Amino acid sequence: MKLVSSWLIAVLLCAGTFYGVDHRAPATRRWTIDLKNKFDFQPFDRPITFRWTLHQDVVFLPPDKLIVYQVNRAHGPVTLRPRDASGGGGNFVLDIRILSTADGHELAAMHLTTSADSSKVMATRDGRFIVRTGEILYLYSANFELIASKPLPLLRQVQEEDWQVDVSPSGAKIALVHQQIFKRNHLSPTSEVKWAGAEVEILREEDLQAIKSFKLPWFLASWSAGEDALISTKPAPDAERSTFGLLDFNGVWSPLLFAWYSPSQPCAYHAAAVDTRLFATYGCGTLSVFPQNGQVVFSLKGSSKEFVGAVKGNSNELAVVMDRHFTKMDRAANLVLEFVRPLRIDVYDVKSHKGIFSAPVNGERVYYTLSTQGAVAAVDGTSLTLYQPAR
């Protein structure tokens, strides 16, 4: 997980081709709905013109619900009112739709005031979920009733500041990381950048009460929540951003044994928990899945045409987005620009290492989620489709 402002920076990634999925085994489409016609959503591959245009996703809500959400500007003129923690004067709305996984019909809807900076919805456990709007976190029950809230106050003393939020694989813990960035000269991309230390809080899911908190003397360039630790880059000056480890809830960091990388390939590298006991590292033409103390249980390697763009998993399956990179010539600037486009979603069985099915992708970006039963829900453009293995 990175600071929101970094999402708008174009990143050049290396490419790779992976083997293992039988692409002749397409997924079965259980149902498809058009989000624009049904809910007046914008296409999920809309141009990224502002940070809020990235605030959208699809999330399984076990056992039988699916959440799809998107932030948009409020329709019509907005009455001026004082700014509050949820996002101010109502210029932006977080539109949340809860759907049945059986056929996609709408079960409930929520329309929450939010800000242009931060909005997110994440499943926790037992059908509960959290919603972040602006500078506040809400916990809702499986019946969509508000249970608890947690403020995420900003000091507003620096140029860049953010609270980052993630949920552990079991949903039992919620991790918060507060970071501030100081820049001496924001007009010069080569100027010295100073980062403040990170503040970390671990919350108990059922009431959003803090159970652990600690401070770090350095920033976390990338992190995500594991069950009993954060998976993060090393919180130290000049640390290699492709080396990942476990940051326990006492603030002690130790390297992951199998979180290796190739220093000769300057491409993006990522690490995350895919289950309560399994971690995944991917980038630079490789993907590896392994327990904290043990041998690699699943891996993919490739050559030069395709690479892994995203990974989501559970104890039995992995859902992997395969990307392809291509170039375009900007004749006005006389520059060759590189772009990344998703090709498909491949679902693997972790134990057998065999491909289960592939789901196609047609848009510029894809948002997807994997259920505990191995189904995939994906938003491609304006279409939301639920895929499952062919019988």
Protein backbone atom coordinates (compact mmCIF):
# COMPACT_ATOMS: atom_id res chain seq x y z
CA MET A 1 0.00 0.00 0.00
CA LYS A 2 1.36 3.41 -0.96
CA LEU A 3 0.43 7.00 -0.31
CA VAL A 4 -2.57 8.09 -2.36
CA SER A 5 -0.60 10.77 -4.21
CA SER A 6 1.77 8.16 -5.62
CA TRP A 7 -1.09 6.40 -7.42
CA LEU A 8 -1.08 9.07 -10.07
CA ILE A 9 2.56 8.53 -10.96
CA ALA A 10 3.13 6.43 -14.08
CA VAL A 11 5.28 3.41 -13.30
CA LEU A 12 7.19 1.47 -15.95
CA LEU A 13 7.03 -2.24 -15.27
CA CYS A 14 8.99 -5.11 -16.70
CA ALA A 15 7.17 -7.90 -18.56
CA GLY A 16 7.02 -11.68 -18.32
CA THR A 17 5.01 -14.65 -19.63
CA PHE A 18 3.65 -17.26 -17.27
CA TYR A 19 2.65 -20.85 -17.77
CA GLY A 20 0.33 -23.24 -15.97
CA VAL A 21 -3.22 -22.22 -16.88
CA ASP A 22 -5.04 -24.16 -19.56
CA HIS A 23 -6.55 -21.22 -21.43
CA ARG A 24 -8.95 -23.60 -23.17
CA ALA A 25 -10.86 -23.80 -19.87
CA PRO A 26 -12.82 -20.53 -19.81
CA ALA A 27 -14.78 -19.45 -16.78
CA THR A 28 -18.53 -19.90 -16.55
CA ARG A 29 -20.37 -16.57 -16.37
CA ARG A 30 -22.97 -16.86 -13.67
CA TRP A 31 -24.37 -13.40 -14.33
CA THR A 32 -23.46 -9.96 -15.71
CA ILE A 33 -24.98 -6.56 -14.97
CA ASP A 34 -24.34 -3.15 -16.52
CA LEU A 35 -23.39 -0.79 -13.70
CA LYS A 36 -24.02 2.34 -15.76
CA ASN A 37 -27.54 1.39 -16.84
CA LYS A 38 -28.51 -0.11 -13.48
CA PHE A 39 -26.86 2.26 -10.99
CA ASP A 40 -25.59 5.19 -13.08
CA PHE A 41 -21.95 4.33 -12.29
CA GLN A 42 -19.16 5.68 -14.46
CA PRO A 43 -16.91 3.20 -16.33
CA PHE A 44 -14.31 1.78 -13.96
CA ASP A 45 -11.58 2.42 -16.55
CA ARG A 46 -12.46 6.12 -16.71
CA PRO A 47 -9.53 8.53 -17.19
CA ILE A 48 -7.57 9.15 -13.99
CA THR A 49 -7.94 12.90 -13.82
CA PHE A 50 -8.12 13.28 -10.02
CA ARG A 51 -7.39 11.04 -7.05
CA TRP A 52 -11.07 10.42 -6.37
CA THR A 53 -11.48 8.77 -9.80
CA LEU A 54 -9.44 5.85 -8.40
CA HIS A 55 -11.76 5.30 -5.44
CA GLN A 56 -13.82 2.34 -6.66
CA ASP A 57 -13.73 -1.43 -6.28
CA VAL A 58 -15.66 -4.68 -5.88
CA VAL A 59 -15.56 -6.74 -2.66
CA PHE A 60 -17.04 -10.10 -1.66
CA LEU A 61 -19.04 -9.97 1.56
CA PRO A 62 -19.31 -13.59 2.76
CA PRO A 63 -21.29 -15.67 2.65
CA ASP A 64 -23.59 -14.52 -0.16
CA LYS A 65 -23.18 -10.80 -0.83
CA LEU A 66 -21.06 -8.60 -3.06
CA ILE A 67 -20.26 -4.89 -2.64
CA VAL A 68 -19.48 -2.63 -5.58
CA TYR A 69 -18.71 1.02 -4.91
CA GLN A 70 -17.57 4.19 -6.66
CA VAL A 71 -16.94 7.84 -5.77
CA ASN A 72 -18.43 10.53 -8.00
CA ARG A 73 -19.21 14.20 -7.82
CA ALA A 74 -22.58 15.02 -6.31
CA HIS A 75 -25.34 15.64 -8.84
CA GLY A 76 -26.57 19.21 -8.99
CA PRO A 77 -25.58 22.21 -6.85
CA VAL A 78 -24.48 21.57 -3.25
CA THR A 79 -25.58 23.74 -0.35
CA LEU A 80 -22.55 25.19 1.44
CA ARG A 81 -21.96 23.78 4.91
CA PRO A 82 -19.07 23.42 7.37
CA ARG A 83 -16.41 20.85 6.61
CA ASP A 84 -16.67 17.64 8.66
CA ALA A 85 -14.56 14.50 9.06
CA SER A 86 -16.46 12.62 6.35
CA GLY A 87 -15.42 15.02 3.65
CA GLY A 88 -16.74 18.51 3.92
CA GLY A 89 -19.53 20.16 2.02
CA GLY A 90 -20.96 17.18 0.17
CA ASN A 91 -19.27 17.70 -3.19
CA PHE A 92 -18.44 13.98 -3.47
CA VAL A 93 -20.60 10.92 -2.83
CA LEU A 94 -19.52 7.34 -2.12
CA ASP A 95 -22.14 5.18 -3.85
CA ILE A 96 -22.23 1.65 -2.36
CA ARG A 97 -24.40 -1.16 -3.76
CA ILE A 98 -24.79 -4.49 -1.98
CA LEU A 99 -25.76 -7.28 -4.38
CA SER A 100 -26.76 -10.91 -4.11
CA THR A 101 -24.12 -13.31 -5.41
CA ALA A 102 -26.94 -15.60 -6.59
CA ASP A 103 -28.14 -13.37 -9.43
CA GLY A 104 -26.77 -9.85 -8.92
CA HIS A 105 -29.99 -8.25 -7.71
CA GLU A 106 -29.66 -5.29 -5.36
CA LEU A 107 -30.12 -5.98 -1.65
CA ALA A 108 -29.27 -2.55 -0.25
CA ALA A 109 -27.70 0.79 -1.16
CA MET A 110 -25.71 3.40 0.75
CA HIS A 111 -24.89 6.95 -0.40
CA LEU A 112 -22.32 8.55 1.89
CA THR A 113 -20.76 12.00 1.81
CA THR A 114 -17.01 11.75 1.31
CA SER A 115 -13.97 13.77 0.28
CA ALA A 116 -11.88 13.90 -2.86
CA ASP A 117 -8.95 12.38 -0.97
CA SER A 118 -9.89 9.07 0.64
CA SER A 119 -12.72 6.54 0.24
CA LYS A 120 -12.63 2.77 0.61
CA VAL A 121 -14.81 -0.24 1.48
CA MET A 122 -13.33 -3.46 2.92
CA ALA A 123 -14.90 -6.69 4.15
CA THR A 124 -13.96 -7.84 7.67
CA ARG A 125 -15.69 -11.00 8.97
CA ASP A 126 -19.13 -12.49 9.69
CA GLY A 127 -20.61 -10.29 6.97
CA ARG A 128 -19.38 -7.05 8.54
CA PHE A 129 -17.48 -4.38 6.61
CA ILE A 130 -15.69 -1.08 7.13
CA VAL A 131 -16.15 2.11 5.15
CA ARG A 132 -13.64 4.93 5.03
CA THR A 133 -14.92 8.37 4.03
CA GLY A 134 -12.49 11.25 4.38
CA GLU A 135 -11.04 11.32 7.89
CA ILE A 136 -13.27 8.74 9.54
CA LEU A 137 -13.65 4.96 9.57
CA TYR A 138 -17.04 3.24 10.05
CA LEU A 139 -17.86 -0.38 10.93
CA TYR A 140 -21.17 -1.79 9.65
CA SER A 141 -22.97 -5.01 10.56
CA ALA A 142 -24.09 -7.68 8.10
CA ASN A 143 -27.50 -5.96 8.26
CA PHE A 144 -25.91 -2.62 7.26
CA GLU A 145 -26.30 -1.06 10.71
CA LEU A 146 -23.58 1.24 12.06
CA ILE A 147 -21.63 -0.44 14.89
CA ALA A 148 -18.64 1.84 15.56
CA SER A 149 -16.51 4.63 14.15
CA LYS A 150 -12.88 5.74 14.38
CA PRO A 151 -11.58 9.24 13.54
CA LEU A 152 -8.48 9.53 11.35
CA PRO A 153 -7.42 13.12 12.08
CA LEU A 154 -4.89 14.89 9.88
CA LEU A 155 -2.41 17.35 11.34
CA ARG A 156 -2.32 19.40 8.10
CA GLN A 157 1.20 20.66 8.76
CA VAL A 158 2.95 19.18 5.72
CA GLN A 159 2.54 18.97 1.97
CA GLU A 160 1.50 15.30 1.93
CA GLU A 161 -0.22 13.36 4.70
CA ASP A 162 -2.38 10.26 4.82
CA TRP A 163 -3.89 7.53 6.95
CA GLN A 164 -3.61 4.19 5.15
CA VAL A 165 -6.01 1.36 6.05
CA ASP A 166 -5.91 -2.40 5.50
CA VAL A 167 -7.63 -5.50 6.92
CA SER A 168 -5.92 -8.74 7.98
CA PRO A 169 -6.76 -11.87 5.94
CA SER A 170 -9.12 -13.23 8.62
CA GLY A 171 -10.78 -9.84 9.07
CA ALA A 172 -10.05 -9.88 12.81
CA LYS A 173 -7.66 -6.91 12.80
CA ILE A 174 -7.51 -3.55 11.05
CA ALA A 175 -4.17 -1.84 10.49
CA LEU A 176 -3.76 1.95 10.30
CA VAL A 177 -0.56 3.70 9.24
CA HIS A 178 -0.26 7.49 9.51
CA GLN A 179 2.54 9.04 7.44
CA GLN A 180 3.68 12.56 6.60
CA ILE A 181 5.98 13.72 3.81
CA PHE A 182 8.00 16.94 3.80
CA LYS A 183 9.42 18.21 0.49
CA ARG A 184 12.01 20.99 0.38
CA ASN A 185 11.21 21.96 -3.20
CA HIS A 186 8.11 20.42 -4.74
CA LEU A 187 8.88 22.06 -8.10
CA SER A 188 12.03 19.97 -8.53
CA PRO A 189 11.54 16.20 -8.80
CA THR A 190 15.23 15.68 -7.98
CA SER A 191 15.17 17.72 -4.78
CA GLU A 192 15.78 16.12 -1.41
CA VAL A 193 12.69 14.57 0.15
CA LYS A 194 12.26 14.20 3.88
CA TRP A 195 9.81 11.70 5.35
CA ALA A 196 8.48 11.80 8.88
CA GLY A 197 8.30 8.58 10.88
CA ALA A 198 5.23 6.37 10.61
CA GLU A 199 2.61 5.91 13.33
CA VAL A 200 0.99 2.47 13.38
CA GLU A 201 -2.25 1.43 15.10
CA ILE A 202 -3.78 -2.06 15.16
CA LEU A 203 -7.54 -2.11 15.82
CA ARG A 204 -9.80 -4.87 17.06
CA GLU A 205 -12.34 -5.43 14.29
CA GLU A 206 -15.53 -5.81 16.32
CA ASP A 207 -15.39 -2.33 17.89
CA LEU A 208 -12.48 -0.47 16.18
CA GLN A 209 -10.64 -0.14 19.52
CA ALA A 210 -6.84 0.04 19.43
CA ILE A 211 -5.06 -3.05 20.75
CA LYS A 212 -1.51 -2.10 19.68
CA SER A 213 0.26 1.09 18.64
CA PHE A 214 3.86 2.06 17.97
CA LYS A 215 5.96 4.61 16.11
CA LEU A 216 8.69 4.05 13.55
CA PRO A 217 11.65 6.39 13.01
CA TRP A 218 11.33 5.98 9.24
CA PHE A 219 8.56 5.70 6.67
CA LEU A 220 7.01 2.56 5.16
CA ALA A 221 7.35 2.81 1.38
CA SER A 222 4.97 -0.13 0.88
CA TRP A 223 2.95 -2.32 3.25
CA SER A 224 -0.13 -4.50 3.66
CA ALA A 225 -1.78 -6.23 6.61
CA GLY A 226 -0.96 -9.79 7.57
CA GLU A 227 -2.59 -11.70 10.40
CA ASP A 228 -0.07 -10.90 13.13
CA ALA A 229 2.28 -8.49 11.35
CA LEU A 230 2.51 -6.00 8.52
CA ILE A 231 4.20 -7.13 5.31
CA SER A 232 6.38 -4.15 4.51
CA THR A 233 9.56 -2.77 3.12
CA LYS A 234 12.27 -2.16 5.70
CA PRO A 235 11.55 1.00 7.75
CA ALA A 236 15.08 2.38 7.46
CA PRO A 237 16.91 5.09 5.46
CA ASP A 238 17.99 4.03 1.96
CA ALA A 239 16.32 0.61 2.33
CA GLU A 240 15.85 -1.42 -0.86
CA ARG A 241 12.20 -1.07 -1.82
CA SER A 242 12.09 -4.55 -3.32
CA THR A 243 13.08 -6.28 -0.08
CA PHE A 244 10.09 -7.18 2.08
CA GLY A 245 9.75 -8.45 5.62
CA LEU A 246 7.38 -8.79 8.55
CA LEU A 247 6.86 -5.86 10.91
CA ASP A 248 5.36 -7.31 14.09
CA PHE A 249 2.95 -5.40 16.28
CA ASN A 250 5.79 -4.38 18.59
CA GLY A 251 7.53 -2.54 15.75
CA VAL A 252 10.26 -5.16 15.12
CA TRP A 253 11.03 -5.86 11.42
CA SER A 254 12.55 -9.08 10.06
CA PRO A 255 13.09 -10.05 6.39
CA LEU A 256 10.89 -12.62 4.69
CA LEU A 257 13.00 -15.61 3.72
CA PHE A 258 11.49 -16.04 0.25
CA ALA A 259 10.76 -12.38 -0.56
CA TRP A 260 13.59 -12.29 -3.07
CA TYR A 261 14.02 -10.09 -6.08
CA SER A 262 16.41 -9.58 -8.99
CA PRO A 263 18.39 -6.34 -8.54
CA SER A 264 19.32 -6.37 -12.24
CA GLN A 265 15.68 -5.76 -13.24
CA PRO A 266 14.40 -2.31 -12.18
CA CYS A 267 10.72 -3.20 -12.17
CA ALA A 268 8.01 -2.91 -9.55
CA TYR A 269 7.95 -5.53 -6.81
CA HIS A 270 5.14 -6.32 -4.40
CA ALA A 271 4.40 -8.49 -1.36
CA ALA A 272 1.14 -9.26 0.43
CA ALA A 273 -0.64 -11.84 2.58
CA VAL A 274 -2.98 -13.98 0.49
CA ASP A 275 -4.25 -16.03 3.44
CA THR A 276 -3.85 -16.23 7.21
CA ARG A 277 -0.70 -18.32 6.75
CA LEU A 278 0.51 -17.65 3.18
CA PHE A 279 2.41 -14.73 1.64
CA ALA A 280 2.98 -13.83 -2.00
CA THR A 281 5.75 -11.84 -3.65
CA TYR A 282 5.55 -10.90 -7.31
CA GLY A 283 7.30 -8.72 -9.85
CA CYS A 284 10.34 -8.89 -12.14
CA GLY A 285 8.94 -11.94 -13.95
CA THR A 286 8.20 -14.09 -10.89
CA LEU A 287 5.45 -14.96 -8.44
CA SER A 288 6.07 -17.01 -5.28
CA VAL A 289 3.68 -18.13 -2.54
CA PHE A 290 5.06 -19.44 0.75
CA PRO A 291 4.37 -19.72 4.50
CA GLN A 292 6.36 -17.62 6.93
CA ASN A 293 8.71 -20.47 7.83
CA GLY A 294 8.75 -23.01 5.03
CA GLN A 295 9.30 -23.82 1.39
CA VAL A 296 7.61 -22.18 -1.60
CA VAL A 297 4.27 -23.90 -2.20
CA PHE A 298 3.39 -22.21 -5.51
CA SER A 299 5.41 -20.31 -8.10
CA LEU A 300 5.22 -18.91 -11.62
CA LYS A 301 8.03 -17.76 -13.86
CA GLY A 302 8.04 -16.32 -17.33
CA SER A 303 9.80 -14.60 -20.18
CA SER A 304 9.12 -11.34 -21.95
CA LYS A 305 5.50 -10.88 -23.03
CA GLU A 306 3.27 -11.05 -19.94
CA PHE A 307 3.64 -10.41 -16.24
CA VAL A 308 1.63 -10.58 -13.05
CA GLY A 309 -0.11 -7.30 -12.35
CA ALA A 310 -2.09 -8.24 -9.22
CA VAL A 311 -2.66 -11.26 -6.97
CA LYS A 312 -5.52 -12.15 -4.64
CA GLY A 313 -5.93 -15.43 -2.85
CA ASN A 314 -7.33 -17.65 -0.17
CA SER A 315 -6.20 -20.94 1.33
CA ASN A 316 -7.06 -22.87 -1.84
CA GLU A 317 -6.96 -20.55 -4.87
CA LEU A 318 -5.05 -17.67 -6.39
CA ALA A 319 -6.60 -15.15 -8.80
CA VAL A 320 -3.85 -13.54 -10.87
CA VAL A 321 -4.23 -10.63 -13.29
CA MET A 322 -1.97 -11.08 -16.29
CA ASP A 323 -0.81 -7.82 -17.89
CA ARG A 324 0.90 -6.91 -21.12
CA HIS A 325 2.98 -3.82 -21.76
CA PHE A 326 3.10 -1.90 -25.00
CA THR A 327 4.60 1.34 -26.28
CA LYS A 328 3.27 4.39 -28.08
CA MET A 329 5.17 7.23 -29.69
CA ASP A 330 4.36 10.73 -28.44
CA ARG A 331 5.40 12.62 -31.55
CA ALA A 332 4.83 16.03 -30.00
CA ALA A 333 7.31 15.29 -27.21
CA ASN A 334 9.39 12.87 -29.29
CA LEU A 335 9.16 10.28 -26.53
CA VAL A 336 8.33 6.59 -26.45
CA LEU A 337 5.73 5.99 -23.72
CA GLU A 338 5.12 2.62 -22.10
CA PHE A 339 1.66 1.47 -21.01
CA VAL A 340 0.27 -1.51 -19.13
CA ARG A 341 -3.00 -3.26 -20.00
CA PRO A 342 -4.66 -6.27 -18.33
CA LEU A 343 -5.24 -9.32 -20.53
CA ARG A 344 -7.14 -11.80 -18.34
CA ILE A 345 -7.64 -13.14 -14.83
CA ASP A 346 -6.17 -16.62 -14.28
CA VAL A 347 -7.34 -18.69 -11.31
CA TYR A 348 -5.04 -21.42 -9.97
CA ASP A 349 -5.36 -24.23 -7.48
CA VAL A 350 -2.54 -23.64 -4.97
CA LYS A 351 -2.04 -27.29 -4.00
CA SER A 352 -2.11 -28.88 -7.46
CA HIS A 353 -0.50 -25.85 -9.22
CA LYS A 354 -3.06 -26.32 -12.01
CA GLY A 355 -5.08 -23.63 -13.70
CA ILE A 356 -8.80 -23.73 -12.91
CA PHE A 357 -10.16 -21.13 -15.35
CA SER A 358 -9.41 -17.87 -17.14
CA ALA A 359 -11.69 -14.83 -17.32
CA PRO A 360 -11.21 -12.31 -20.15
CA VAL A 361 -10.52 -8.58 -19.66
CA ASN A 362 -11.37 -5.97 -22.29
CA GLY A 363 -10.96 -2.60 -20.54
CA GLU A 364 -7.95 -0.46 -19.71
CA ARG A 365 -8.14 -1.46 -16.02
CA VAL A 366 -9.88 -4.25 -14.13
CA TYR A 367 -11.12 -4.40 -10.52
CA TYR A 368 -11.74 -7.87 -9.13
CA THR A 369 -12.19 -9.96 -5.99
CA LEU A 370 -11.90 -13.67 -5.14
CA SER A 371 -14.41 -15.49 -2.93
CA THR A 372 -13.62 -18.22 -0.43
CA GLN A 373 -15.39 -20.64 -2.82
CA GLY A 374 -13.10 -19.74 -5.74
CA ALA A 375 -15.52 -17.49 -7.66
CA VAL A 376 -14.29 -14.22 -9.19
CA ALA A 377 -16.28 -11.00 -9.47
CA ALA A 378 -14.75 -8.50 -11.89
CA VAL A 379 -15.66 -4.99 -13.05
CA ASP A 380 -14.50 -4.46 -16.63
CA GLY A 381 -15.55 -1.06 -17.94
CA THR A 382 -19.21 -0.80 -16.94
CA SER A 383 -19.83 -4.57 -16.69
CA LEU A 384 -19.81 -6.46 -13.39
CA THR A 385 -19.55 -10.21 -13.96
CA LEU A 386 -19.48 -13.13 -11.54
CA TYR A 387 -17.32 -15.99 -12.84
CA GLN A 388 -17.11 -19.50 -11.47
CA PRO A 389 -15.30 -22.68 -12.53
CA ALA A 390 -16.94 -24.66 -15.31
CA ARG A 391 -18.79 -27.68 -13.98
